């Protein structure tokens, strides 16, 4: 999966509200993402399926946050 595809997956999850739980102490419905630091997913073996993913970012004030969400594994083959 390219970084653009991973970033698009994150934005899709954020915009549609799919199992998104921000670990920020805020009441805002959408996180204030100024800079993405990393995107990672838990390895679930070689199987295709839903995995836990983590987006680490800085907000507009420079504070670091981690956003947890669920997505299809990067191990899934396109068109399968």
N, C-alpha and C. Protein backbone atom coordinates (compact mmCIF):
# COMPACT_ATOMS: atom_id res chain seq x y z
N UNK A 1 0.85 -1.17 0.00
CA UNK A 1 0.00 0.00 0.00
C UNK A 1 0.89 1.23 0.00
N UNK A 2 0.61 2.16 -0.88
CA UNK A 2 1.39 3.39 -0.93
C UNK A 2 0.96 4.32 0.18
N UNK A 3 1.80 5.30 0.48
CA UNK A 3 1.48 6.27 1.54
C UNK A 3 0.23 7.07 1.16
N UNK A 4 0.04 7.34 -0.14
CA UNK A 4 -1.16 8.06 -0.57
C UNK A 4 -2.42 7.23 -0.30
N UNK A 5 -2.34 5.93 -0.58
CA UNK A 5 -3.50 5.06 -0.33
C UNK A 5 -3.78 4.95 1.16
N UNK A 6 -2.72 4.86 1.97
CA UNK A 6 -2.90 4.79 3.42
C UNK A 6 -3.51 6.08 3.95
N UNK A 7 -3.02 7.20 3.45
CA UNK A 7 -3.54 8.49 3.88
C UNK A 7 -5.01 8.63 3.46
N UNK A 8 -5.34 8.17 2.25
CA UNK A 8 -6.72 8.23 1.78
C UNK A 8 -7.62 7.36 2.66
N UNK A 9 -7.13 6.19 3.08
CA UNK A 9 -7.90 5.32 3.97
C UNK A 9 -8.18 6.02 5.29
N UNK A 10 -7.17 6.71 5.81
CA UNK A 10 -7.34 7.44 7.06
C UNK A 10 -8.39 8.54 6.92
N UNK A 11 -8.28 9.30 5.86
CA UNK A 11 -9.24 10.38 5.65
C UNK A 11 -10.65 9.84 5.46
N UNK A 12 -10.78 8.73 4.73
CA UNK A 12 -12.10 8.13 4.55
C UNK A 12 -12.68 7.73 5.90
N UNK A 13 -11.86 7.10 6.74
CA UNK A 13 -12.34 6.68 8.05
C UNK A 13 -12.74 7.88 8.90
N UNK A 14 -11.96 8.95 8.82
CA UNK A 14 -12.27 10.15 9.60
C UNK A 14 -13.56 10.81 9.12
N UNK A 15 -13.71 10.92 7.82
CA UNK A 15 -14.86 11.63 7.28
C UNK A 15 -16.15 10.85 7.41
N UNK A 16 -16.08 9.55 7.40
CA UNK A 16 -17.30 8.75 7.50
C UNK A 16 -17.59 8.30 8.92
N UNK A 17 -16.66 8.53 9.84
CA UNK A 17 -16.89 8.19 11.23
C UNK A 17 -16.87 6.71 11.51
N UNK A 18 -16.10 5.92 10.76
CA UNK A 18 -16.06 4.47 10.94
C UNK A 18 -15.14 4.09 12.09
N UNK A 19 -15.70 3.71 13.20
CA UNK A 19 -14.95 3.19 14.35
C UNK A 19 -13.75 4.06 14.71
N UNK A 20 -13.95 5.35 14.75
CA UNK A 20 -12.85 6.25 15.07
C UNK A 20 -12.93 6.64 16.54
N UNK A 21 -11.82 6.49 17.24
CA UNK A 21 -11.75 6.89 18.64
C UNK A 21 -10.46 7.66 18.85
N UNK A 22 -10.57 8.95 19.03
CA UNK A 22 -9.38 9.78 19.22
C UNK A 22 -8.95 9.73 20.68
N UNK A 23 -7.65 9.66 20.88
CA UNK A 23 -7.10 9.67 22.22
C UNK A 23 -6.70 11.09 22.62
N UNK A 24 -7.46 12.04 22.19
CA UNK A 24 -7.22 13.43 22.52
C UNK A 24 -8.31 13.88 23.48
N UNK A 25 -7.94 14.73 24.39
CA UNK A 25 -8.92 15.24 25.35
C UNK A 25 -9.58 16.46 24.73
N UNK A 26 -10.50 16.20 23.81
CA UNK A 26 -11.20 17.27 23.13
C UNK A 26 -12.63 16.83 22.85
N UNK A 27 -13.50 17.81 22.69
CA UNK A 27 -14.89 17.49 22.38
C UNK A 27 -15.17 17.74 20.90
N UNK A 28 -14.16 18.09 20.12
CA UNK A 28 -14.35 18.34 18.69
C UNK A 28 -14.74 17.05 17.98
N UNK A 29 -15.65 17.16 17.01
CA UNK A 29 -16.09 15.97 16.30
C UNK A 29 -15.06 15.51 15.27
N UNK A 30 -14.21 16.41 14.80
CA UNK A 30 -13.16 16.05 13.87
C UNK A 30 -11.82 16.48 14.46
N UNK A 31 -10.82 15.61 14.38
CA UNK A 31 -9.52 15.97 14.95
C UNK A 31 -8.85 17.09 14.14
N UNK A 32 -8.05 17.87 14.81
CA UNK A 32 -7.29 18.97 14.22
C UNK A 32 -5.94 18.41 13.76
N UNK A 33 -5.88 17.88 12.54
CA UNK A 33 -4.66 17.25 12.04
C UNK A 33 -3.89 18.27 11.22
N UNK A 34 -2.74 18.69 11.76
CA UNK A 34 -1.88 19.64 11.06
C UNK A 34 -0.77 18.93 10.31
N UNK A 35 -0.17 17.89 10.92
CA UNK A 35 0.91 17.13 10.29
C UNK A 35 0.82 15.67 10.70
N UNK A 36 0.81 14.77 9.73
CA UNK A 36 0.81 13.33 10.00
C UNK A 36 2.24 12.88 10.26
N UNK A 37 2.47 12.24 11.41
CA UNK A 37 3.80 11.75 11.76
C UNK A 37 4.00 10.31 11.32
N UNK A 38 2.99 9.46 11.53
CA UNK A 38 3.11 8.06 11.11
C UNK A 38 1.73 7.42 11.01
N UNK A 39 1.67 6.37 10.19
CA UNK A 39 0.48 5.54 10.04
C UNK A 39 0.95 4.10 10.18
N UNK A 40 0.34 3.35 11.09
CA UNK A 40 0.75 1.96 11.29
C UNK A 40 -0.49 1.09 11.49
N UNK A 41 -0.30 -0.20 11.29
CA UNK A 41 -1.38 -1.16 11.54
C UNK A 41 -0.80 -2.35 12.27
N UNK A 42 -1.64 -2.98 13.08
CA UNK A 42 -1.23 -4.18 13.80
C UNK A 42 -1.15 -5.33 12.81
N UNK A 43 -0.10 -6.11 12.88
CA UNK A 43 0.04 -7.22 11.96
C UNK A 43 -0.82 -8.38 12.44
N UNK A 44 -1.65 -8.86 11.57
CA UNK A 44 -2.53 -9.97 11.91
C UNK A 44 -2.17 -11.21 11.12
N UNK A 45 -0.90 -11.33 10.77
CA UNK A 45 -0.50 -12.47 9.94
C UNK A 45 -0.67 -12.14 8.48
N UNK A 46 -0.73 -13.15 7.66
CA UNK A 46 -0.82 -12.96 6.22
C UNK A 46 -2.27 -12.92 5.75
N UNK A 47 -3.22 -12.93 6.67
CA UNK A 47 -4.62 -12.98 6.30
C UNK A 47 -5.16 -11.60 5.94
N UNK A 48 -6.11 -11.59 5.06
CA UNK A 48 -6.81 -10.38 4.68
C UNK A 48 -7.99 -10.20 5.64
N UNK A 49 -8.16 -9.01 6.16
CA UNK A 49 -9.27 -8.76 7.05
C UNK A 49 -9.18 -7.39 7.69
N UNK A 50 -10.00 -7.16 8.67
CA UNK A 50 -10.03 -5.89 9.38
C UNK A 50 -8.95 -5.90 10.46
N UNK A 51 -8.15 -4.81 10.53
CA UNK A 51 -7.09 -4.70 11.53
C UNK A 51 -7.19 -3.35 12.23
N UNK A 52 -6.60 -3.27 13.42
CA UNK A 52 -6.49 -2.01 14.14
C UNK A 52 -5.36 -1.20 13.53
N UNK A 53 -5.59 0.08 13.32
CA UNK A 53 -4.59 0.98 12.76
C UNK A 53 -4.45 2.19 13.65
N UNK A 54 -3.30 2.86 13.51
CA UNK A 54 -3.00 4.01 14.37
C UNK A 54 -2.42 5.14 13.51
N UNK A 55 -2.96 6.32 13.67
CA UNK A 55 -2.49 7.51 12.99
C UNK A 55 -1.92 8.44 14.06
N UNK A 56 -0.63 8.72 13.99
CA UNK A 56 0.01 9.63 14.93
C UNK A 56 0.18 10.97 14.22
N UNK A 57 -0.27 12.05 14.86
CA UNK A 57 -0.25 13.35 14.20
C UNK A 57 -0.01 14.47 15.20
N UNK A 58 0.32 15.65 14.65
CA UNK A 58 0.44 16.87 15.43
C UNK A 58 -0.76 17.74 15.10
N UNK A 59 -1.33 18.39 16.13
CA UNK A 59 -2.42 19.31 15.88
C UNK A 59 -1.84 20.69 15.56
N UNK A 60 -2.70 21.68 15.35
CA UNK A 60 -2.24 23.01 14.96
C UNK A 60 -1.45 23.72 16.06
N UNK A 61 -1.52 23.20 17.30
CA UNK A 61 -0.75 23.77 18.40
C UNK A 61 0.53 22.99 18.67
N UNK A 62 0.81 21.98 17.84
CA UNK A 62 2.03 21.19 17.98
C UNK A 62 1.94 20.05 18.98
N UNK A 63 0.75 19.76 19.49
CA UNK A 63 0.59 18.65 20.43
C UNK A 63 0.41 17.35 19.66
N UNK A 64 1.04 16.28 20.17
CA UNK A 64 1.00 14.97 19.52
C UNK A 64 -0.23 14.19 19.98
N UNK A 65 -0.90 13.52 19.03
CA UNK A 65 -2.08 12.71 19.32
C UNK A 65 -1.99 11.40 18.55
N UNK A 66 -2.71 10.38 19.02
CA UNK A 66 -2.82 9.11 18.32
C UNK A 66 -4.29 8.83 18.08
N UNK A 67 -4.63 8.55 16.84
CA UNK A 67 -6.00 8.24 16.45
C UNK A 67 -6.06 6.76 16.10
N UNK A 68 -6.89 6.01 16.79
CA UNK A 68 -7.06 4.58 16.53
C UNK A 68 -8.30 4.38 15.68
N UNK A 69 -8.18 3.51 14.68
CA UNK A 69 -9.31 3.20 13.81
C UNK A 69 -9.12 1.80 13.25
N UNK A 70 -10.14 1.28 12.58
CA UNK A 70 -10.08 -0.07 12.00
C UNK A 70 -10.20 0.06 10.49
N UNK A 71 -9.44 -0.80 9.76
CA UNK A 71 -9.45 -0.76 8.31
C UNK A 71 -9.12 -2.14 7.76
N UNK A 72 -9.26 -2.31 6.44
CA UNK A 72 -8.83 -3.55 5.81
C UNK A 72 -7.31 -3.61 5.84
N UNK A 73 -6.79 -4.79 6.09
CA UNK A 73 -5.35 -5.01 6.15
C UNK A 73 -4.67 -4.67 4.83
N UNK A 74 -3.44 -4.22 4.93
CA UNK A 74 -2.63 -3.96 3.74
C UNK A 74 -2.28 -5.27 3.03
N UNK A 75 -2.49 -6.41 3.69
CA UNK A 75 -2.20 -7.72 3.10
C UNK A 75 -3.28 -8.16 2.10
N UNK A 76 -4.40 -7.43 2.03
CA UNK A 76 -5.46 -7.80 1.11
C UNK A 76 -5.02 -7.47 -0.31
N UNK A 77 -5.18 -8.40 -1.22
CA UNK A 77 -4.85 -8.17 -2.61
C UNK A 77 -6.00 -7.44 -3.30
N UNK A 78 -5.67 -6.45 -4.10
CA UNK A 78 -6.70 -5.74 -4.84
C UNK A 78 -7.33 -6.66 -5.87
N UNK A 79 -8.66 -6.60 -5.98
CA UNK A 79 -9.37 -7.39 -6.95
C UNK A 79 -9.64 -8.83 -6.52
N UNK A 80 -9.27 -9.19 -5.30
CA UNK A 80 -9.50 -10.57 -4.83
C UNK A 80 -10.82 -10.67 -4.12
